[in-house]
Protein backbone atom coordinates (compact mmCIF):
# COMPACT_ATOMS: atom_id res chain seq x y z
CA ARG A 1 -6.42 -14.31 -3.04
CA HIS A 2 -5.65 -10.96 -4.29
CA ASP A 3 -7.36 -9.05 -1.70
CA ASP A 4 -5.21 -10.65 1.03
CA LEU A 5 -1.93 -9.91 -0.88
CA LEU A 6 -2.92 -6.16 -1.17
CA HIS A 7 -3.91 -5.97 2.37
CA ASP A 8 -0.67 -7.48 3.54
CA TRP A 9 1.47 -5.38 1.07
CA LEU A 10 -0.20 -2.18 2.11
CA ALA A 11 0.11 -3.12 5.78
CA GLU A 12 3.71 -3.63 5.29
CA LEU A 13 4.14 -0.13 3.63
CA LEU A 14 2.35 1.40 6.51
CA TYR A 15 4.67 -0.34 9.17
CA ARG A 16 7.71 0.88 7.22
CA PHE A 17 6.19 4.44 7.18
CA HIS A 18 5.82 4.45 11.08
CA ALA A 19 8.88 2.27 11.90
CA GLU A 20 11.35 3.67 9.45
CA HIS A 21 9.83 7.11 8.92
CA ARG A 22 9.81 6.55 4.99
CA VAL A 23 7.31 7.71 2.24
CA TYR A 24 7.04 5.93 -0.96
CA ALA A 25 6.23 7.11 -4.51
CA GLN A 26 7.37 4.44 -6.99
CA PHE A 27 6.21 0.86 -7.08
CA GLU A 28 6.81 -2.16 -9.23
CA VAL A 29 4.45 -5.15 -8.46
CA GLU A 30 4.34 -8.57 -9.69
CA VAL A 31 1.65 -11.18 -8.58
CA THR A 32 2.21 -14.74 -9.87
CA ASP A 33 1.07 -18.00 -8.35
CA GLY A 34 -0.60 -16.24 -5.51
CA LYS A 35 2.64 -14.49 -4.40
CA LEU A 36 3.40 -10.78 -4.36
CA ALA A 37 6.86 -9.42 -5.29
CA ALA A 38 7.29 -5.76 -5.14
CA THR A 39 9.90 -2.90 -5.06
CA ALA A 40 8.93 0.29 -3.39
CA ARG A 41 11.19 3.30 -3.80
CA GLY A 42 10.93 6.25 -1.49
CA GLU A 43 12.94 8.42 0.78
CA PRO A 44 13.05 9.44 4.49
CA ILE A 45 10.18 11.75 5.74
CA ASP A 46 11.37 15.35 5.48
CA PRO A 47 9.00 17.55 7.35
CA ALA A 48 10.14 20.59 4.97
CA ARG A 49 9.05 18.57 1.96
CA HIS A 50 6.35 16.15 3.22
CA GLU A 51 3.48 17.64 4.87
CA ILE A 52 1.33 14.74 6.55
CA GLU A 53 -2.04 16.15 7.46
CA THR A 54 -3.66 12.77 8.26
CA GLU A 55 -2.08 9.47 9.34
CA ILE A 56 -3.31 6.20 8.32
CA LYS A 57 -3.66 4.04 11.44
CA ALA A 58 -4.59 0.66 9.75
CA ILE A 59 -5.39 -1.11 6.50
CA THR A 60 -8.71 -2.68 6.83
CA TYR A 61 -10.53 -5.63 5.14
CA HIS A 62 -13.87 -3.78 5.32
CA GLY A 63 -14.70 -2.78 1.65
CA LEU A 64 -11.60 -4.11 0.35
CA LYS A 65 -11.91 -5.08 -3.38
CA VAL A 66 -9.60 -6.19 -6.01
CA GLU A 67 -11.01 -6.99 -9.52
CA GLN A 68 -9.68 -7.64 -12.76
CA ASP A 69 -11.74 -6.21 -15.94
CA GLU A 70 -10.92 -5.60 -19.61
CA GLN A 71 -8.82 -2.46 -18.81
CA GLY A 72 -6.70 -4.12 -16.04
CA TRP A 73 -6.83 -4.39 -12.33
CA GLN A 74 -8.89 -2.11 -10.11
CA ALA A 75 -8.56 -1.92 -6.34
CA GLU A 76 -10.63 -0.22 -3.56
CA VAL A 77 -9.33 0.15 -0.15
CA ILE A 78 -10.77 1.73 2.97
CA VAL A 79 -8.30 2.76 5.80
CA ASP A 80 -8.59 3.71 9.52
CA LEU A 81 -7.49 7.20 10.25
């Protein structure tokens, strides 16, 4: 399911934010046969450049929606702060 893939991928990015102290800004994502392959490009957190006002604590399934329409894919994610 696409919602599971999105949840797990965002949770991995959040883990890397906390464990590796990195922020990400460029993404290439491909979903085929129920599997997600992605490349995320970013950099180490630099307090002089990255002001983090509110930290995300967790990615939730509550309200998570992934839908495809005539314009492409749309996602809605609610996170725990």
